[in-house]
Amino acid sequence: MTFSHLTIRTRLRLGFASVLAAVVLVAGIGMYELGRANDATTHIVQANLAKIDHLEEMSDAVHVVARVIRSIALLQDQDAAARESAKIAAA
């Protein structure tokens, strides 16, 4: 039996079923790809956040060392300079 011998009702049902199947297929592919994109974005954000935290810690340590070196250069008291030198080791 060919398509032209089918009744209108059967043709409409087949047409609607094919359109519905295509929509479901496209929606499924879209949901899968959105999940993959979300996973990739989450990975990027988490990796960059860790790098930013390390960068902030390093920047703070550099600022502490710079201030302590300036203080040591200005101090006349050796005991106070030794205390400031301990801050460098801690940083």
PDB file of N, CA and C in Angstrom:
ATOM      1  N   MET A   1       0.848  -1.174   0.000  1.00  0.00           N
ATOM      2  CA  MET A   1       0.000   0.000   0.000  1.00  0.00           C
ATOM      3  C   MET A   1       0.893   1.235   0.000  1.00  0.00           C
ATOM      4  N   THR A   2       0.644   2.139  -0.906  1.00  0.00           N
ATOM      5  CA  THR A   2       1.449   3.344  -1.019  1.00  0.00           C
ATOM      6  C   THR A   2       0.806   4.477  -0.238  1.00  0.00           C
ATOM      7  N   PHE A   3       1.580   5.544  -0.107  1.00  0.00           N
ATOM      8  CA  PHE A   3       1.113   6.698   0.654  1.00  0.00           C
ATOM      9  C   PHE A   3      -0.140   7.316   0.028  1.00  0.00           C
ATOM     10  N   SER A   4      -0.227   7.283  -1.277  1.00  0.00           N
ATOM     11  CA  SER A   4      -1.370   7.903  -1.953  1.00  0.00           C
ATOM     12  C   SER A   4      -2.657   7.125  -1.742  1.00  0.00           C
ATOM     13  N   HIS A   5      -2.572   5.869  -1.369  1.00  0.00           N
ATOM     14  CA  HIS A   5      -3.771   5.066  -1.136  1.00  0.00           C
ATOM     15  C   HIS A   5      -4.271   5.161   0.302  1.00  0.00           C
ATOM     16  N   LEU A   6      -3.560   5.863   1.187  1.00  0.00           N
ATOM     17  CA  LEU A   6      -3.980   5.994   2.586  1.00  0.00           C
ATOM     18  C   LEU A   6      -5.074   7.048   2.697  1.00  0.00           C
ATOM     19  N   THR A   7      -5.866   6.920   3.745  1.00  0.00           N
ATOM     20  CA  THR A   7      -6.925   7.907   3.961  1.00  0.00           C
ATOM     21  C   THR A   7      -6.320   9.199   4.503  1.00  0.00           C
ATOM     22  N   ILE A   8      -7.106  10.253   4.439  1.00  0.00           N
ATOM     23  CA  ILE A   8      -6.645  11.560   4.933  1.00  0.00           C
ATOM     24  C   ILE A   8      -6.307  11.467   6.413  1.00  0.00           C
ATOM     25  N   ARG A   9      -7.144  10.780   7.176  1.00  0.00           N
ATOM     26  CA  ARG A   9      -6.918  10.643   8.614  1.00  0.00           C
ATOM     27  C   ARG A   9      -5.573   9.971   8.881  1.00  0.00           C
ATOM     28  N   THR A  10      -5.242   8.953   8.163  1.00  0.00           N
ATOM     29  CA  THR A  10      -3.984   8.234   8.344  1.00  0.00           C
ATOM     30  C   THR A  10      -2.805   9.095   7.916  1.00  0.00           C
ATOM     31  N   ARG A  11      -2.982   9.827   6.827  1.00  0.00           N
ATOM     32  CA  ARG A  11      -1.916  10.719   6.370  1.00  0.00           C
ATOM     33  C   ARG A  11      -1.633  11.804   7.404  1.00  0.00           C
ATOM     34  N   LEU A  12      -2.696  12.390   7.949  1.00  0.00           N
ATOM     35  CA  LEU A  12      -2.533  13.424   8.967  1.00  0.00           C
ATOM     36  C   LEU A  12      -1.845  12.869  10.215  1.00  0.00           C
ATOM     37  N   ARG A  13      -2.226  11.678  10.614  1.00  0.00           N
ATOM     38  CA  ARG A  13      -1.605  11.059  11.788  1.00  0.00           C
ATOM     39  C   ARG A  13      -0.117  10.804  11.548  1.00  0.00           C
ATOM     40  N   LEU A  14       0.219  10.289  10.382  1.00  0.00           N
ATOM     41  CA  LEU A  14       1.622  10.045  10.056  1.00  0.00           C
ATOM     42  C   LEU A  14       2.417  11.347   9.994  1.00  0.00           C
ATOM     43  N   GLY A  15       1.830  12.374   9.413  1.00  0.00           N
ATOM     44  CA  GLY A  15       2.493  13.673   9.333  1.00  0.00           C
ATOM     45  C   GLY A  15       2.721  14.267  10.714  1.00  0.00           C
ATOM     46  N   PHE A  16       1.692  14.223  11.547  1.00  0.00           N
ATOM     47  CA  PHE A  16       1.813  14.758  12.901  1.00  0.00           C
ATOM     48  C   PHE A  16       2.826  13.955  13.702  1.00  0.00           C
ATOM     49  N   ALA A  17       2.804  12.641  13.564  1.00  0.00           N
ATOM     50  CA  ALA A  17       3.746  11.791  14.292  1.00  0.00           C
ATOM     51  C   ALA A  17       5.183  12.073  13.863  1.00  0.00           C
ATOM     52  N   SER A  18       5.391  12.293  12.572  1.00  0.00           N
ATOM     53  CA  SER A  18       6.754  12.576  12.110  1.00  0.00           C
ATOM     54  C   SER A  18       7.236  13.935  12.618  1.00  0.00           C
ATOM     55  N   VAL A  19       6.371  14.949  12.618  1.00  0.00           N
ATOM     56  CA  VAL A  19       6.742  16.263  13.148  1.00  0.00           C
ATOM     57  C   VAL A  19       7.002  16.172  14.645  1.00  0.00           C
ATOM     58  N   LEU A  20       6.160  15.446  15.361  1.00  0.00           N
ATOM     59  CA  LEU A  20       6.340  15.283  16.801  1.00  0.00           C
ATOM     60  C   LEU A  20       7.644  14.546  17.112  1.00  0.00           C
ATOM     61  N   ALA A  21       7.955  13.520  16.347  1.00  0.00           N
ATOM     62  CA  ALA A  21       9.204  12.792  16.552  1.00  0.00           C
ATOM     63  C   ALA A  21      10.409  13.695  16.294  1.00  0.00           C
ATOM     64  N   ALA A  22      10.338  14.536  15.273  1.00  0.00           N
ATOM     65  CA  ALA A  22      11.437  15.453  14.980  1.00  0.00           C
ATOM     66  C   ALA A  22      11.621  16.464  16.115  1.00  0.00           C
ATOM     67  N   VAL A  23      10.526  16.983  16.650  1.00  0.00           N
ATOM     68  CA  VAL A  23      10.595  17.949  17.753  1.00  0.00           C
ATOM     69  C   VAL A  23      11.199  17.295  18.993  1.00  0.00           C
ATOM     70  N   VAL A  24      10.776  16.078  19.296  1.00  0.00           N
ATOM     71  CA  VAL A  24      11.318  15.367  20.460  1.00  0.00           C
ATOM     72  C   VAL A  24      12.813  15.093  20.264  1.00  0.00           C
ATOM     73  N   LEU A  25      13.203  14.716  19.062  1.00  0.00           N
ATOM     74  CA  LEU A  25      14.613  14.466  18.779  1.00  0.00           C
ATOM     75  C   LEU A  25      15.452  15.737  18.939  1.00  0.00           C
ATOM     76  N   VAL A  26      14.977  16.836  18.397  1.00  0.00           N
ATOM     77  CA  VAL A  26      15.710  18.110  18.506  1.00  0.00           C
ATOM     78  C   VAL A  26      15.774  18.563  19.963  1.00  0.00           C
ATOM     79  N   ALA A  27      14.682  18.398  20.709  1.00  0.00           N
ATOM     80  CA  ALA A  27      14.686  18.782  22.128  1.00  0.00           C
ATOM     81  C   ALA A  27      15.672  17.921  22.911  1.00  0.00           C
ATOM     82  N   GLY A  28      15.723  16.633  22.624  1.00  0.00           N
ATOM     83  CA  GLY A  28      16.664  15.747  23.316  1.00  0.00           C
ATOM     84  C   GLY A  28      18.104  16.112  23.030  1.00  0.00           C
ATOM     85  N   ILE A  29      18.406  16.366  21.777  1.00  0.00           N
ATOM     86  CA  ILE A  29      19.772  16.776  21.412  1.00  0.00           C
ATOM     87  C   ILE A  29      20.118  18.104  22.079  1.00  0.00           C
ATOM     88  N   GLY A  30      19.174  19.026  22.095  1.00  0.00           N
ATOM     89  CA  GLY A  30      19.409  20.323  22.742  1.00  0.00           C
ATOM     90  C   GLY A  30      19.685  20.186  24.230  1.00  0.00           C
ATOM     91  N   MET A  31      18.919  19.350  24.910  1.00  0.00           N
ATOM     92  CA  MET A  31      19.139  19.149  26.347  1.00  0.00           C
ATOM     93  C   MET A  31      20.504  18.504  26.602  1.00  0.00           C
ATOM     94  N   TYR A  32      20.877  17.556  25.772  1.00  0.00           N
ATOM     95  CA  TYR A  32      22.177  16.899  25.930  1.00  0.00           C
ATOM     96  C   TYR A  32      23.319  17.900  25.735  1.00  0.00           C
ATOM     97  N   GLU A  33      23.232  18.712  24.707  1.00  0.00           N
ATOM     98  CA  GLU A  33      24.289  19.688  24.426  1.00  0.00           C
ATOM     99  C   GLU A  33      24.340  20.772  25.502  1.00  0.00           C
ATOM    100  N   LEU A  34      23.187  21.177  26.033  1.00  0.00           N
ATOM    101  CA  LEU A  34      23.189  22.155  27.128  1.00  0.00           C
ATOM    102  C   LEU A  34      23.862  21.577  28.375  1.00  0.00           C
ATOM    103  N   GLY A  35      23.639  20.303  28.631  1.00  0.00           N
ATOM    104  CA  GLY A  35      24.305  19.655  29.758  1.00  0.00           C
ATOM    105  C   GLY A  35      25.811  19.636  29.579  1.00  0.00           C
ATOM    106  N   ARG A  36      26.262  19.329  28.371  1.00  0.00           N
ATOM    107  CA  ARG A  36      27.700  19.325  28.099  1.00  0.00           C
ATOM    108  C   ARG A  36      28.282  20.730  28.250  1.00  0.00           C
ATOM    109  N   ALA A  37      27.571  21.739  27.749  1.00  0.00           N
ATOM    110  CA  ALA A  37      28.051  23.116  27.875  1.00  0.00           C
ATOM    111  C   ALA A  37      28.107  23.546  29.338  1.00  0.00           C
ATOM    112  N   ASN A  38      27.132  23.123  30.113  1.00  0.00           N
ATOM    113  CA  ASN A  38      27.113  23.459  31.538  1.00  0.00           C
ATOM    114  C   ASN A  38      28.292  22.813  32.258  1.00  0.00           C
ATOM    115  N   ASP A  39      28.590  21.566  31.939  1.00  0.00           N
ATOM    116  CA  ASP A  39      29.730  20.894  32.559  1.00  0.00           C
ATOM    117  C   ASP A  39      31.038  21.594  32.206  1.00  0.00           C
ATOM    118  N   ALA A  40      31.183  21.977  30.953  1.00  0.00           N
ATOM    119  CA  ALA A  40      32.404  22.666  30.524  1.00  0.00           C
ATOM    120  C   ALA A  40      32.540  24.017  31.216  1.00  0.00           C
ATOM    121  N   THR A  41      31.444  24.743  31.325  1.00  0.00           N
ATOM    122  CA  THR A  41      31.472  26.046  31.988  1.00  0.00           C
ATOM    123  C   THR A  41      31.806  25.901  33.470  1.00  0.00           C
ATOM    124  N   THR A  42      31.228  24.904  34.109  1.00  0.00           N
ATOM    125  CA  THR A  42      31.518  24.666  35.526  1.00  0.00           C
ATOM    126  C   THR A  42      32.994  24.359  35.727  1.00  0.00           C
ATOM    127  N   HIS A  43      33.559  23.547  34.862  1.00  0.00           N
ATOM    128  CA  HIS A  43      34.984  23.223  34.970  1.00  0.00           C
ATOM    129  C   HIS A  43      35.848  24.470  34.805  1.00  0.00           C
ATOM    130  N   ILE A  44      35.513  25.288  33.830  1.00  0.00           N
ATOM    131  CA  ILE A  44      36.294  26.504  33.581  1.00  0.00           C
ATOM    132  C   ILE A  44      36.214  27.445  34.778  1.00  0.00           C
ATOM    133  N   VAL A  45      35.015  27.609  35.312  1.00  0.00           N
ATOM    134  CA  VAL A  45      34.832  28.532  36.442  1.00  0.00           C
ATOM    135  C   VAL A  45      35.594  28.038  37.660  1.00  0.00           C
ATOM    136  N   GLN A  46      35.506  26.738  37.947  1.00  0.00           N
ATOM    137  CA  GLN A  46      36.190  26.216  39.128  1.00  0.00           C
ATOM    138  C   GLN A  46      37.708  26.303  38.981  1.00  0.00           C
ATOM    139  N   ALA A  47      38.215  26.014  37.798  1.00  0.00           N
ATOM    140  CA  ALA A  47      39.665  26.092  37.588  1.00  0.00           C
ATOM    141  C   ALA A  47      40.138  27.533  37.694  1.00  0.00           C
ATOM    142  N   ASN A  48      39.423  28.457  37.098  1.00  0.00           N
ATOM    143  CA  ASN A  48      39.823  29.865  37.144  1.00  0.00           C
ATOM    144  C   ASN A  48      39.687  30.425  38.549  1.00  0.00           C
ATOM    145  N   LEU A  49      38.684  29.984  39.300  1.00  0.00           N
ATOM    146  CA  LEU A  49      38.512  30.475  40.657  1.00  0.00           C
ATOM    147  C   LEU A  49      39.694  30.066  41.530  1.00  0.00           C
ATOM    148  N   ALA A  50      40.183  28.856  41.369  1.00  0.00           N
ATOM    149  CA  ALA A  50      41.350  28.410  42.140  1.00  0.00           C
ATOM    150  C   ALA A  50      42.580  29.235  41.770  1.00  0.00           C
ATOM    151  N   LYS A  51      42.741  29.509  40.483  1.00  0.00           N
ATOM    152  CA  LYS A  51      43.886  30.320  40.047  1.00  0.00           C
ATOM    153  C   LYS A  51      43.794  31.739  40.597  1.00  0.00           C
ATOM    154  N   ILE A  52      42.606  32.303  40.624  1.00  0.00           N
ATOM    155  CA  ILE A  52      42.412  33.658  41.151  1.00  0.00           C
ATOM    156  C   ILE A  52      42.726  33.695  42.645  1.00  0.00           C
ATOM    157  N   ASP A  53      42.321  32.651  43.385  1.00  0.00           N
ATOM    158  CA  ASP A  53      42.635  32.602  44.818  1.00  0.00           C
ATOM    159  C   ASP A  53      44.139  32.558  45.051  1.00  0.00           C
ATOM    160  N   HIS A  54      44.840  31.744  44.268  1.00  0.00           N
ATOM    161  CA  HIS A  54      46.298  31.680  44.415  1.00  0.00           C
ATOM    162  C   HIS A  54      46.945  33.014  44.049  1.00  0.00           C
ATOM    163  N   LEU A  55      46.444  33.649  43.011  1.00  0.00           N
ATOM    164  CA  LEU A  55      46.981  34.938  42.594  1.00  0.00           C
ATOM    165  C   LEU A  55      46.791  35.984  43.688  1.00  0.00           C
ATOM    166  N   GLU A  56      45.647  35.979  44.335  1.00  0.00           N
ATOM    167  CA  GLU A  56      45.390  36.941  45.407  1.00  0.00           C
ATOM    168  C   GLU A  56      46.329  36.695  46.591  1.00  0.00           C
ATOM    169  N   GLU A  57      46.546  35.421  46.944  1.00  0.00           N
ATOM    170  CA  GLU A  57      47.477  35.114  48.035  1.00  0.00           C
ATOM    171  C   GLU A  57      48.896  35.573  47.696  1.00  0.00           C
ATOM    172  N   MET A  58      49.321  35.328  46.472  1.00  0.00           N
ATOM    173  CA  MET A  58      50.659  35.745  46.058  1.00  0.00           C
ATOM    174  C   MET A  58      50.785  37.263  46.069  1.00  0.00           C
ATOM    175  N   SER A  59      49.773  37.951  45.614  1.00  0.00           N
ATOM    176  CA  SER A  59      49.810  39.407  45.587  1.00  0.00           C
ATOM    177  C   SER A  59      49.903  39.974  47.007  1.00  0.00           C
ATOM    178  N   ASP A  60      49.127  39.402  47.916  1.00  0.00           N
ATOM    179  CA  ASP A  60      49.194  39.849  49.303  1.00  0.00           C
ATOM    180  C   ASP A  60      50.585  39.606  49.896  1.00  0.00           C
ATOM    181  N   ALA A  61      51.177  38.449  49.591  1.00  0.00           N
ATOM    182  CA  ALA A  61      52.513  38.144  50.113  1.00  0.00           C
ATOM    183  C   ALA A  61      53.546  39.123  49.561  1.00  0.00           C
ATOM    184  N   VAL A  62      53.437  39.467  48.292  1.00  0.00           N
ATOM    185  CA  VAL A  62      54.375  40.420  47.690  1.00  0.00           C
ATOM    186  C   VAL A  62      54.246  41.786  48.362  1.00  0.00           C
ATOM    187  N   HIS A  63      53.021  42.209  48.635  1.00  0.00           N
ATOM    188  CA  HIS A  63      52.823  43.504  49.286  1.00  0.00           C
ATOM    189  C   HIS A  63      53.382  43.503  50.702  1.00  0.00           C
ATOM    190  N   VAL A  64      53.193  42.389  51.416  1.00  0.00           N
ATOM    191  CA  VAL A  64      53.735  42.299  52.785  1.00  0.00           C
ATOM    192  C   VAL A  64      55.248  42.390  52.743  1.00  0.00           C
ATOM    193  N   VAL A  65      55.872  41.638  51.839  1.00  0.00           N
ATOM    194  CA  VAL A  65      57.334  41.645  51.745  1.00  0.00           C
ATOM    195  C   VAL A  65      57.838  43.041  51.386  1.00  0.00           C
ATOM    196  N   ALA A  66      57.177  43.723  50.467  1.00  0.00           N
ATOM    197  CA  ALA A  66      57.609  45.068  50.066  1.00  0.00           C
ATOM    198  C   ALA A  66      57.521  46.042  51.240  1.00  0.00           C
ATOM    199  N   ARG A  67      56.434  45.960  52.015  1.00  0.00           N
ATOM    200  CA  ARG A  67      56.299  46.862  53.159  1.00  0.00           C
ATOM    201  C   ARG A  67      57.330  46.555  54.234  1.00  0.00           C
ATOM    202  N   VAL A  68      57.579  45.260  54.470  1.00  0.00           N
ATOM    203  CA  VAL A  68      58.541  44.881  55.503  1.00  0.00           C
ATOM    204  C   VAL A  68      59.955  45.306  55.103  1.00  0.00           C
ATOM    205  N   ILE A  69      60.308  45.131  53.848  1.00  0.00           N
ATOM    206  CA  ILE A  69      61.642  45.549  53.391  1.00  0.00           C
ATOM    207  C   ILE A  69      61.804  47.056  53.573  1.00  0.00           C
ATOM    208  N   ARG A  70      60.772  47.819  53.265  1.00  0.00           N
ATOM    209  CA  ARG A  70      60.839  49.264  53.474  1.00  0.00           C
ATOM    210  C   ARG A  70      61.016  49.579  54.955  1.00  0.00           C
ATOM    211  N   SER A  71      60.273  48.862  55.804  1.00  0.00           N
ATOM    212  CA  SER A  71      60.385  49.111  57.243  1.00  0.00           C
ATOM    213  C   SER A  71      61.768  48.755  57.763  1.00  0.00           C
ATOM    214  N   ILE A  72      62.325  47.637  57.287  1.00  0.00           N
ATOM    215  CA  ILE A  72      63.660  47.233  57.728  1.00  0.00           C
ATOM    216  C   ILE A  72      64.696  48.278  57.319  1.00  0.00           C
ATOM    217  N   ALA A  73      64.538  48.811  56.119  1.00  0.00           N
ATOM    218  CA  ALA A  73      65.494  49.819  55.638  1.00  0.00           C
ATOM    219  C   ALA A  73      65.431  51.085  56.482  1.00  0.00           C
ATOM    220  N   LEU A  74      64.263  51.407  57.021  1.00  0.00           N
ATOM    221  CA  LEU A  74      64.114  52.634  57.800  1.00  0.00           C
ATOM    222  C   LEU A  74      64.428  52.463  59.276  1.00  0.00           C
ATOM    223  N   LEU A  75      64.397  51.217  59.782  1.00  0.00           N
ATOM    224  CA  LEU A  75      64.610  50.982  61.210  1.00  0.00           C
ATOM    225  C   LEU A  75      66.086  51.093  61.578  1.00  0.00           C
ATOM    226  N   GLN A  76      66.329  51.641  62.752  1.00  0.00           N
ATOM    227  CA  GLN A  76      67.686  51.727  63.295  1.00  0.00           C
ATOM    228  C   GLN A  76      67.935  50.612  64.305  1.00  0.00           C
ATOM    229  N   ASP A  77      66.877  50.153  64.958  1.00  0.00           N
ATOM    230  CA  ASP A  77      66.982  49.122  66.007  1.00  0.00           C
ATOM    231  C   ASP A  77      67.096  47.740  65.364  1.00  0.00           C
ATOM    232  N   GLN A  78      68.122  46.976  65.729  1.00  0.00           N
ATOM    233  CA  GLN A  78      68.354  45.655  65.157  1.00  0.00           C
ATOM    234  C   GLN A  78      67.294  44.639  65.602  1.00  0.00           C
ATOM    235  N   ASP A  79      66.808  44.764  66.849  1.00  0.00           N
ATOM    236  CA  ASP A  79      65.777  43.845  67.333  1.00  0.00           C
ATOM    237  C   ASP A  79      64.478  44.036  66.557  1.00  0.00           C
ATOM    238  N   ALA A  80      64.121  45.270  66.301  1.00  0.00           N
ATOM    239  CA  ALA A  80      62.907  45.554  65.532  1.00  0.00           C
ATOM    240  C   ALA A  80      63.065  45.067  64.088  1.00  0.00           C
ATOM    241  N   ALA A  81      64.261  45.204  63.535  1.00  0.00           N
ATOM    242  CA  ALA A  81      64.522  44.724  62.169  1.00  0.00           C
ATOM    243  C   ALA A  81      64.414  43.207  62.117  1.00  0.00           C
ATOM    244  N   ALA A  82      64.860  42.529  63.188  1.00  0.00           N
ATOM    245  CA  ALA A  82      64.780  41.070  63.236  1.00  0.00           C
ATOM    246  C   ALA A  82      63.312  40.612  63.289  1.00  0.00           C
ATOM    247  N   ARG A  83      62.503  41.353  64.053  1.00  0.00           N
ATOM    248  CA  ARG A  83      61.074  41.027  64.123  1.00  0.00           C
ATOM    249  C   ARG A  83      60.422  41.204  62.760  1.00  0.00           C
ATOM    250  N   GLU A  84      60.798  42.257  62.048  1.00  0.00           N
ATOM    251  CA  GLU A  84      60.245  42.493  60.719  1.00  0.00           C
ATOM    252  C   GLU A  84      60.715  41.413  59.740  1.00  0.00           C
ATOM    253  N   SER A  85      61.947  40.938  59.889  1.00  0.00           N
ATOM    254  CA  SER A  85      62.471  39.876  59.014  1.00  0.00           C
ATOM    255  C   SER A  85      61.678  38.585  59.184  1.00  0.00           C
ATOM    256  N   ALA A  86      61.173  38.343  60.420  1.00  0.00           N
ATOM    257  CA  ALA A  86      60.346  37.158  60.667  1.00  0.00           C
ATOM    258  C   ALA A  86      59.048  37.224  59.857  1.00  0.00           C
ATOM    259  N   LYS A  87      58.531  38.426  59.627  1.00  0.00           N
ATOM    260  CA  LYS A  87      57.323  38.595  58.830  1.00  0.00           C
ATOM    261  C   LYS A  87      57.559  38.174  57.373  1.00  0.00           C
ATOM    262  N   ILE A  88      58.785  38.425  56.896  1.00  0.00           N
ATOM    263  CA  ILE A  88      59.115  38.027  55.525  1.00  0.00           C
ATOM    264  C   ILE A  88      59.088  36.499  55.405  1.00  0.00           C
ATOM    265  N   ALA A  89      59.661  35.833  56.397  1.00  0.00           N
ATOM    266  CA  ALA A  89      59.676  34.367  56.376  1.00  0.00           C
ATOM    267  C   ALA A  89      58.253  33.808  56.445  1.00  0.00           C
ATOM    268  N   ALA A  90      57.390  34.479  57.208  1.00  0.00           N
ATOM    269  CA  ALA A  90      56.008  34.017  57.334  1.00  0.00           C
ATOM    270  C   ALA A  90      55.228  34.229  56.035  1.00  0.00           C
ATOM    271  N   ALA A  91      55.569  35.313  55.340  1.00  0.00           N
ATOM    272  CA  ALA A  91      54.853  35.605  54.087  1.00  0.00           C
ATOM    273  C   ALA A  91      55.296  34.652  53.007  1.00  0.00           C
TER     274      ALA A  91
END
